[in-house]
């Protein structure tokens, strides 16, 4: 295996194991480490290489198969193979694919705004109505259908910004979130990522409601890293 292959098939981070596994597999495909028509290493080998569970590898492979990047074959010479035709980034008919610099600009600003907002919200003494609203937004997102998920996800994140009590921050968050959603609209909505995001949302909200500013910031950092991994994987 090439040096690049050794790196890409190395351990992923623990916090966002599913998202990072998807991103790492996408890198091996896009960089030609595993060519169209070639087989991926077996699931058990990938689990060892990535230092994740086989369930995580299986979920990642299933998601990329649904998105058209991989195909499963049964039988004596079966396995998981890279599709003969790699899907293109599904940008709109009048839109150009985002550049790597544009993606990093959006994600870098998002980190600054949203991690800071989570920390600041947790540091405030919230009113009963503010606490109830935040919990309601969390429940709405957790129970949203796939078609409505990103809308409710956006509302939850903006609600966290509103709790800070700085209107200009909310304006910046809204502008940034609009740019984030344009990127998210160009990648598949993965069921396992939704489940993981909901778990992370709860950790963020609980940290805010219990006044743990540093935990809120670290939970938001981990959450944003998962989304960033998928966006870089699919769009870069």
C-alpha atoms as a PDB file:
ATOM      1  CA  UNK A   1       0.000   0.000   0.000  1.00  0.00           C
ATOM      2  CA  UNK A   2       1.229   3.548  -0.736  1.00  0.00           C
ATOM      3  CA  UNK A   3       2.244   5.962   2.015  1.00  0.00           C
ATOM      4  CA  UNK A   4      -0.978   7.887   1.397  1.00  0.00           C
ATOM      5  CA  UNK A   5      -2.935   4.673   1.762  1.00  0.00           C
ATOM      6  CA  UNK A   6      -1.238   3.888   5.051  1.00  0.00           C
ATOM      7  CA  UNK A   7      -2.220   7.318   6.388  1.00  0.00           C
ATOM      8  CA  UNK A   8      -5.807   7.240   5.113  1.00  0.00           C
ATOM      9  CA  UNK A   9      -6.364   3.754   6.474  1.00  0.00           C
ATOM     10  CA  UNK A  10      -5.029   4.783   9.897  1.00  0.00           C
ATOM     11  CA  UNK A  11      -7.029   5.385  13.113  1.00  0.00           C
ATOM     12  CA  UNK A  12      -9.787   8.014  13.101  1.00  0.00           C
ATOM     13  CA  UNK A  13     -10.821  10.254  15.989  1.00  0.00           C
ATOM     14  CA  UNK A  14     -13.081   8.763  18.629  1.00  0.00           C
ATOM     15  CA  UNK A  15     -15.575  11.629  18.986  1.00  0.00           C
ATOM     16  CA  UNK A  16     -17.037  11.386  15.482  1.00  0.00           C
ATOM     17  CA  UNK A  17     -16.100   7.852  14.494  1.00  0.00           C
ATOM     18  CA  UNK A  18     -18.901   7.379  11.947  1.00  0.00           C
ATOM     19  CA  UNK A  19     -18.451  10.732  10.218  1.00  0.00           C
ATOM     20  CA  UNK A  20     -14.671  10.423  10.157  1.00  0.00           C
ATOM     21  CA  UNK A  21     -14.880   6.866   8.793  1.00  0.00           C
ATOM     22  CA  UNK A  22     -17.152   8.052   5.974  1.00  0.00           C
ATOM     23  CA  UNK A  23     -14.800  10.938   5.226  1.00  0.00           C
ATOM     24  CA  UNK A  24     -11.731   8.687   5.273  1.00  0.00           C
ATOM     25  CA  UNK A  25     -13.334   6.162   2.906  1.00  0.00           C
ATOM     26  CA  UNK A  26     -14.345   9.013   0.594  1.00  0.00           C
ATOM     27  CA  UNK A  27     -10.755  10.245   0.560  1.00  0.00           C
ATOM     28  CA  UNK A  28      -9.450   6.826  -0.456  1.00  0.00           C
ATOM     29  CA  UNK A  29     -11.975   6.805  -3.303  1.00  0.00           C
ATOM     30  CA  UNK A  30     -11.477  10.391  -4.492  1.00  0.00           C
ATOM     31  CA  UNK A  31      -7.680  10.198  -4.316  1.00  0.00           C
ATOM     32  CA  UNK A  32      -7.609   6.899  -6.192  1.00  0.00           C
ATOM     33  CA  UNK A  33      -6.094   4.890  -3.335  1.00  0.00           C
ATOM     34  CA  UNK A  34      -8.852   2.388  -4.136  1.00  0.00           C
ATOM     35  CA  UNK A  35      -9.746   2.661  -7.819  1.00  0.00           C
ATOM     36  CA  UNK A  36     -13.207   2.251  -9.400  1.00  0.00           C
ATOM     37  CA  UNK A  37     -13.977  -1.439  -9.575  1.00  0.00           C
ATOM     38  CA  UNK A  38     -11.453  -2.342  -6.871  1.00  0.00           C
ATOM     39  CA  UNK A  39     -12.429  -3.840  -3.544  1.00  0.00           C
ATOM     40  CA  UNK A  40     -12.111  -2.198  -0.158  1.00  0.00           C
ATOM     41  CA  UNK A  41     -10.346  -4.161   2.560  1.00  0.00           C
ATOM     42  CA  UNK A  42     -12.747  -6.418   4.519  1.00  0.00           C
ATOM     43  CA  UNK A  43     -14.873  -4.793   7.221  1.00  0.00           C
ATOM     44  CA  UNK A  44     -12.923  -6.455  10.024  1.00  0.00           C
ATOM     45  CA  UNK A  45      -9.646  -5.107   8.625  1.00  0.00           C
ATOM     46  CA  UNK A  46     -11.065  -1.611   8.232  1.00  0.00           C
ATOM     47  CA  UNK A  47     -12.341  -1.689  11.804  1.00  0.00           C
ATOM     48  CA  UNK A  48      -8.844  -2.533  13.043  1.00  0.00           C
ATOM     49  CA  UNK A  49      -7.148   0.038  10.808  1.00  0.00           C
ATOM     50  CA  UNK A  50      -9.567   2.834  11.775  1.00  0.00           C
ATOM     51  CA  UNK A  51      -9.746   1.732  15.433  1.00  0.00           C
ATOM     52  CA  UNK A  52     -13.555   1.707  15.321  1.00  0.00           C
ATOM     53  CA  UNK A  53     -16.207  -0.958  15.718  1.00  0.00           C
ATOM     54  CA  UNK A  54     -17.325  -3.152  12.841  1.00  0.00           C
ATOM     55  CA  UNK A  55     -20.806  -1.648  13.252  1.00  0.00           C
ATOM     56  CA  UNK A  56     -19.329   1.784  12.551  1.00  0.00           C
ATOM     57  CA  UNK A  57     -17.563   0.505   9.440  1.00  0.00           C
ATOM     58  CA  UNK A  58     -20.726  -1.273   8.319  1.00  0.00           C
ATOM     59  CA  UNK A  59     -22.822   1.889   8.792  1.00  0.00           C
ATOM     60  CA  UNK A  60     -20.282   3.958   6.865  1.00  0.00           C
ATOM     61  CA  UNK A  61     -20.170   1.479   3.990  1.00  0.00           C
ATOM     62  CA  UNK A  62     -23.960   1.261   3.871  1.00  0.00           C
ATOM     63  CA  UNK A  63     -24.254   5.055   3.745  1.00  0.00           C
ATOM     64  CA  UNK A  64     -21.726   5.355   0.922  1.00  0.00           C
ATOM     65  CA  UNK A  65     -23.424   2.504  -0.930  1.00  0.00           C
ATOM     66  CA  UNK A  66     -26.754   4.322  -0.686  1.00  0.00           C
ATOM     67  CA  UNK A  67     -25.017   7.448  -2.009  1.00  0.00           C
ATOM     68  CA  UNK A  68     -23.657   5.540  -5.010  1.00  0.00           C
ATOM     69  CA  UNK A  69     -19.951   5.416  -4.117  1.00  0.00           C
ATOM     70  CA  UNK A  70     -19.749   1.722  -3.219  1.00  0.00           C
ATOM     71  CA  UNK A  71     -21.418  -1.473  -4.341  1.00  0.00           C
ATOM     72  CA  UNK A  72     -21.661  -4.825  -2.563  1.00  0.00           C
ATOM     73  CA  UNK A  73     -21.132  -8.096  -4.403  1.00  0.00           C
ATOM     74  CA  UNK A  74     -21.954 -11.510  -3.057  1.00  0.00           C
ATOM     75  CA  UNK A  75     -20.405 -14.864  -3.714  1.00  0.00           C
ATOM     76  CA  UNK A  76     -16.927 -16.352  -3.641  1.00  0.00           C
ATOM     77  CA  UNK A  77     -15.344 -13.178  -5.020  1.00  0.00           C
ATOM     78  CA  UNK A  78     -17.704 -10.844  -3.229  1.00  0.00           C
ATOM     79  CA  UNK A  79     -16.994  -7.849  -1.047  1.00  0.00           C
ATOM     80  CA  UNK A  80     -17.417  -4.092  -1.141  1.00  0.00           C
ATOM     81  CA  UNK A  81     -16.197  -2.438  -4.326  1.00  0.00           C
ATOM     82  CA  UNK A  82     -15.802   1.154  -5.442  1.00  0.00           C
ATOM     83  CA  UNK A  83     -18.480   1.987  -7.998  1.00  0.00           C
ATOM     84  CA  UNK A  84     -17.377   2.042 -11.621  1.00  0.00           C
ATOM     85  CA  UNK A  85     -18.732   5.595 -11.893  1.00  0.00           C
ATOM     86  CA  UNK A  86     -18.091   7.932  -8.957  1.00  0.00           C
ATOM     87  CA  UNK A  87     -21.005  10.312  -8.277  1.00  0.00           C
ATOM     88  CA  UNK A  88     -20.404  13.984  -8.921  1.00  0.00           C
ATOM     89  CA  UNK A  89     -21.072  16.596  -6.256  1.00  0.00           C
ATOM     90  CA  UNK A  90     -24.833  17.318  -6.636  1.00  0.00           C
ATOM     91  CA  UNK A  91     -24.660  21.114  -6.946  1.00  0.00           C
ATOM     92  CA  UNK A  92     -27.541  23.029  -8.496  1.00  0.00           C
ATOM     93  CA  UNK A  93     -27.727  23.617 -12.261  1.00  0.00           C
ATOM     94  CA  UNK A  94     -26.622  27.258 -11.960  1.00  0.00           C
ATOM     95  CA  UNK A  95     -24.115  26.793  -9.147  1.00  0.00           C
ATOM     96  CA  UNK A  96     -20.420  26.075  -9.234  1.00  0.00           C
ATOM     97  CA  UNK A  97     -18.958  23.501  -6.877  1.00  0.00           C
ATOM     98  CA  UNK A  98     -17.504  25.202  -3.787  1.00  0.00           C
ATOM     99  CA  UNK A  99     -13.749  25.514  -3.662  1.00  0.00           C
ATOM    100  CA  UNK A 100     -11.735  24.129  -0.768  1.00  0.00           C
ATOM    101  CA  UNK A 101     -11.027  27.694   0.359  1.00  0.00           C
ATOM    102  CA  UNK A 102     -14.746  28.546   0.384  1.00  0.00           C
ATOM    103  CA  UNK A 103     -15.560  25.441   2.414  1.00  0.00           C
ATOM    104  CA  UNK A 104     -12.834  26.232   4.957  1.00  0.00           C
ATOM    105  CA  UNK A 105     -14.013  29.841   5.228  1.00  0.00           C
ATOM    106  CA  UNK A 106     -17.566  28.768   6.036  1.00  0.00           C
ATOM    107  CA  UNK A 107     -16.498  26.078   8.491  1.00  0.00           C
ATOM    108  CA  UNK A 108     -13.851  28.231  10.180  1.00  0.00           C
ATOM    109  CA  UNK A 109     -16.315  31.033  10.847  1.00  0.00           C
ATOM    110  CA  UNK A 110     -18.879  28.500  12.029  1.00  0.00           C
ATOM    111  CA  UNK A 111     -16.466  27.175  14.645  1.00  0.00           C
ATOM    112  CA  UNK A 112     -15.774  30.665  15.973  1.00  0.00           C
ATOM    113  CA  UNK A 113     -19.432  31.698  16.113  1.00  0.00           C
ATOM    114  CA  UNK A 114     -21.137  28.531  17.331  1.00  0.00           C
ATOM    115  CA  UNK A 115     -18.584  27.358  19.880  1.00  0.00           C
ATOM    116  CA  UNK A 116     -18.514  30.859  21.322  1.00  0.00           C
ATOM    117  CA  UNK A 117     -22.306  31.020  21.362  1.00  0.00           C
ATOM    118  CA  UNK A 118     -22.606  27.706  23.209  1.00  0.00           C
ATOM    119  CA  UNK A 119     -20.063  28.809  25.821  1.00  0.00           C
ATOM    120  CA  UNK A 120     -21.723  32.202  26.287  1.00  0.00           C
ATOM    121  CA  UNK A 121     -25.235  30.735  26.497  1.00  0.00           C
ATOM    122  CA  UNK A 122     -24.158  28.282  29.192  1.00  0.00           C
ATOM    123  CA  UNK A 123     -22.582  31.133  31.182  1.00  0.00           C
ATOM    124  CA  UNK A 124     -25.849  33.070  31.361  1.00  0.00           C
ATOM    125  CA  UNK A 125     -28.606  32.715  33.945  1.00  0.00           C
ATOM    126  CA  UNK A 126     -31.452  31.559  31.714  1.00  0.00           C
ATOM    127  CA  UNK A 127     -35.084  32.326  32.391  1.00  0.00           C
ATOM    128  CA  UNK A 128     -37.684  29.580  32.637  1.00  0.00           C
ATOM    129  CA  UNK A 129     -39.076  30.479  29.218  1.00  0.00           C
ATOM    130  CA  UNK A 130     -35.610  30.412  27.642  1.00  0.00           C
ATOM    131  CA  UNK A 131     -34.878  27.009  29.127  1.00  0.00           C
ATOM    132  CA  UNK A 132     -38.224  25.655  27.948  1.00  0.00           C
ATOM    133  CA  UNK A 133     -37.686  27.018  24.431  1.00  0.00           C
ATOM    134  CA  UNK A 134     -34.249  25.418  24.155  1.00  0.00           C
ATOM    135  CA  UNK A 135     -35.561  22.050  25.328  1.00  0.00           C
ATOM    136  CA  UNK A 136     -38.482  22.310  22.903  1.00  0.00           C
ATOM    137  CA  UNK A 137     -36.126  23.014  20.005  1.00  0.00           C
ATOM    138  CA  UNK A 138     -34.076  19.980  20.994  1.00  0.00           C
ATOM    139  CA  UNK A 139     -37.142  17.717  21.020  1.00  0.00           C
ATOM    140  CA  UNK A 140     -38.380  19.102  17.693  1.00  0.00           C
ATOM    141  CA  UNK A 141     -35.051  18.338  16.066  1.00  0.00           C
ATOM    142  CA  UNK A 142     -34.810  14.863  17.587  1.00  0.00           C
ATOM    143  CA  UNK A 143     -38.248  13.903  16.255  1.00  0.00           C
ATOM    144  CA  UNK A 144     -38.047  15.656  12.879  1.00  0.00           C
ATOM    145  CA  UNK A 145     -38.495  13.678   9.682  1.00  0.00           C
ATOM    146  CA  UNK A 146     -35.526  13.517   7.298  1.00  0.00           C
ATOM    147  CA  UNK A 147     -37.255  16.043   5.028  1.00  0.00           C
ATOM    148  CA  UNK A 148     -37.567  18.551   7.891  1.00  0.00           C
ATOM    149  CA  UNK A 149     -34.400  17.698   9.776  1.00  0.00           C
ATOM    150  CA  UNK A 150     -32.084  20.415   8.527  1.00  0.00           C
ATOM    151  CA  UNK A 151     -34.721  23.105   9.096  1.00  0.00           C
ATOM    152  CA  UNK A 152     -35.179  22.067  12.730  1.00  0.00           C
ATOM    153  CA  UNK A 153     -31.446  21.595  13.130  1.00  0.00           C
ATOM    154  CA  UNK A 154     -30.934  25.191  11.985  1.00  0.00           C
ATOM    155  CA  UNK A 155     -33.573  26.487  14.408  1.00  0.00           C
ATOM    156  CA  UNK A 156     -31.919  24.709  17.330  1.00  0.00           C
ATOM    157  CA  UNK A 157     -28.509  26.159  16.543  1.00  0.00           C
ATOM    158  CA  UNK A 158     -29.928  29.659  16.066  1.00  0.00           C
ATOM    159  CA  UNK A 159     -31.853  29.356  19.333  1.00  0.00           C
ATOM    160  CA  UNK A 160     -28.584  28.737  21.152  1.00  0.00           C
ATOM    161  CA  UNK A 161     -27.269  31.966  19.648  1.00  0.00           C
ATOM    162  CA  UNK A 162     -30.398  33.845  20.709  1.00  0.00           C
ATOM    163  CA  UNK A 163     -29.816  32.823  24.334  1.00  0.00           C
ATOM    164  CA  UNK A 164     -26.587  34.838  24.376  1.00  0.00           C
ATOM    165  CA  UNK A 165     -28.630  38.036  24.205  1.00  0.00           C
ATOM    166  CA  UNK A 166     -26.519  39.733  21.503  1.00  0.00           C
ATOM    167  CA  UNK A 167     -28.675  40.443  18.414  1.00  0.00           C
ATOM    168  CA  UNK A 168     -25.695  41.061  16.117  1.00  0.00           C
ATOM    169  CA  UNK A 169     -24.416  37.568  16.939  1.00  0.00           C
ATOM    170  CA  UNK A 170     -27.695  36.039  15.793  1.00  0.00           C
ATOM    171  CA  UNK A 171     -27.415  37.925  12.508  1.00  0.00           C
ATOM    172  CA  UNK A 172     -23.913  36.569  11.942  1.00  0.00           C
ATOM    173  CA  UNK A 173     -25.018  33.049  12.887  1.00  0.00           C
ATOM    174  CA  UNK A 174     -27.966  33.225  10.485  1.00  0.00           C
ATOM    175  CA  UNK A 175     -25.780  34.361   7.588  1.00  0.00           C
ATOM    176  CA  UNK A 176     -23.231  31.653   8.302  1.00  0.00           C
ATOM    177  CA  UNK A 177     -25.885  28.979   8.723  1.00  0.00           C
ATOM    178  CA  UNK A 178     -27.337  29.889   5.339  1.00  0.00           C
ATOM    179  CA  UNK A 179     -23.924  29.225   3.791  1.00  0.00           C
ATOM    180  CA  UNK A 180     -23.552  26.003   5.791  1.00  0.00           C
ATOM    181  CA  UNK A 181     -26.951  24.774   4.614  1.00  0.00           C
ATOM    182  CA  UNK A 182     -26.004  25.396   0.991  1.00  0.00           C
ATOM    183  CA  UNK A 183     -23.090  23.046   1.507  1.00  0.00           C
ATOM    184  CA  UNK A 184     -25.180  20.505   3.433  1.00  0.00           C
ATOM    185  CA  UNK A 185     -27.767  20.492   0.627  1.00  0.00           C
ATOM    186  CA  UNK A 186     -25.055  19.189  -1.692  1.00  0.00           C
ATOM    187  CA  UNK A 187     -24.288  16.046   0.312  1.00  0.00           C
ATOM    188  CA  UNK A 188     -26.473  13.052   1.196  1.00  0.00           C
ATOM    189  CA  UNK A 189     -28.447  13.112   4.447  1.00  0.00           C
ATOM    190  CA  UNK A 190     -27.103  10.073   6.293  1.00  0.00           C
ATOM    191  CA  UNK A 191     -29.336   8.340   8.829  1.00  0.00           C
ATOM    192  CA  UNK A 192     -26.481   7.390  11.140  1.00  0.00           C
ATOM    193  CA  UNK A 193     -25.214  10.979  11.118  1.00  0.00           C
ATOM    194  CA  UNK A 194     -28.677  12.217  12.145  1.00  0.00           C
ATOM    195  CA  UNK A 195     -28.684   9.809  15.102  1.00  0.00           C
ATOM    196  CA  UNK A 196     -25.215  10.913  16.135  1.00  0.00           C
ATOM    197  CA  UNK A 197     -26.088  14.604  15.726  1.00  0.00           C
ATOM    198  CA  UNK A 198     -29.126  14.178  17.949  1.00  0.00           C
ATOM    199  CA  UNK A 199     -26.970  12.639  20.666  1.00  0.00           C
ATOM    200  CA  UNK A 200     -24.531  15.523  20.398  1.00  0.00           C
ATOM    201  CA  UNK A 201     -27.336  18.091  20.390  1.00  0.00           C
ATOM    202  CA  UNK A 202     -28.570  16.689  23.682  1.00  0.00           C
ATOM    203  CA  UNK A 203     -25.091  16.899  25.199  1.00  0.00           C
ATOM    204  CA  UNK A 204     -24.815  20.551  24.123  1.00  0.00           C
ATOM    205  CA  UNK A 205     -28.244  21.486  25.451  1.00  0.00           C
ATOM    206  CA  UNK A 206     -27.746  19.697  28.761  1.00  0.00           C
ATOM    207  CA  UNK A 207     -24.417  21.477  29.232  1.00  0.00           C
ATOM    208  CA  UNK A 208     -26.055  24.840  28.551  1.00  0.00           C
ATOM    209  CA  UNK A 209     -28.991  24.151  30.871  1.00  0.00           C
ATOM    210  CA  UNK A 210     -26.681  23.052  33.683  1.00  0.00           C
ATOM    211  CA  UNK A 211     -24.425  26.079  33.237  1.00  0.00           C
ATOM    212  CA  UNK A 212     -21.325  24.126  32.231  1.00  0.00           C
ATOM    213  CA  UNK A 213     -19.758  26.570  29.781  1.00  0.00           C
ATOM    214  CA  UNK A 214     -16.637  24.590  28.961  1.00  0.00           C
ATOM    215  CA  UNK A 215     -18.579  21.367  28.459  1.00  0.00           C
ATOM    216  CA  UNK A 216     -21.011  23.215  26.173  1.00  0.00           C
ATOM    217  CA  UNK A 217     -18.105  24.563  24.128  1.00  0.00           C
ATOM    218  CA  UNK A 218     -16.337  21.199  23.867  1.00  0.00           C
ATOM    219  CA  UNK A 219     -19.571  19.398  22.955  1.00  0.00           C
ATOM    220  CA  UNK A 220     -20.276  21.964  20.237  1.00  0.00           C
ATOM    221  CA  UNK A 221     -16.701  21.663  18.957  1.00  0.00           C
ATOM    222  CA  UNK A 222     -17.080  17.894  18.649  1.00  0.00           C
ATOM    223  CA  UNK A 223     -20.469  18.262  16.971  1.00  0.00           C
ATOM    224  CA  UNK A 224     -19.215  20.731  14.359  1.00  0.00           C
ATOM    225  CA  UNK A 225     -16.192  18.540  13.660  1.00  0.00           C
ATOM    226  CA  UNK A 226     -18.494  15.702  12.593  1.00  0.00           C
ATOM    227  CA  UNK A 227     -20.354  17.867  10.088  1.00  0.00           C
ATOM    228  CA  UNK A 228     -17.088  19.344   8.847  1.00  0.00           C
ATOM    229  CA  UNK A 229     -15.650  15.870   8.239  1.00  0.00           C
ATOM    230  CA  UNK A 230     -18.605  14.914   6.050  1.00  0.00           C
ATOM    231  CA  UNK A 231     -18.574  18.200   4.128  1.00  0.00           C
ATOM    232  CA  UNK A 232     -14.855  17.972   3.434  1.00  0.00           C
ATOM    233  CA  UNK A 233     -15.195  14.313   2.506  1.00  0.00           C
ATOM    234  CA  UNK A 234     -18.028  14.755   0.034  1.00  0.00           C
ATOM    235  CA  UNK A 235     -17.182  18.202  -1.372  1.00  0.00           C
ATOM    236  CA  UNK A 236     -13.389  18.551  -1.296  1.00  0.00           C
END
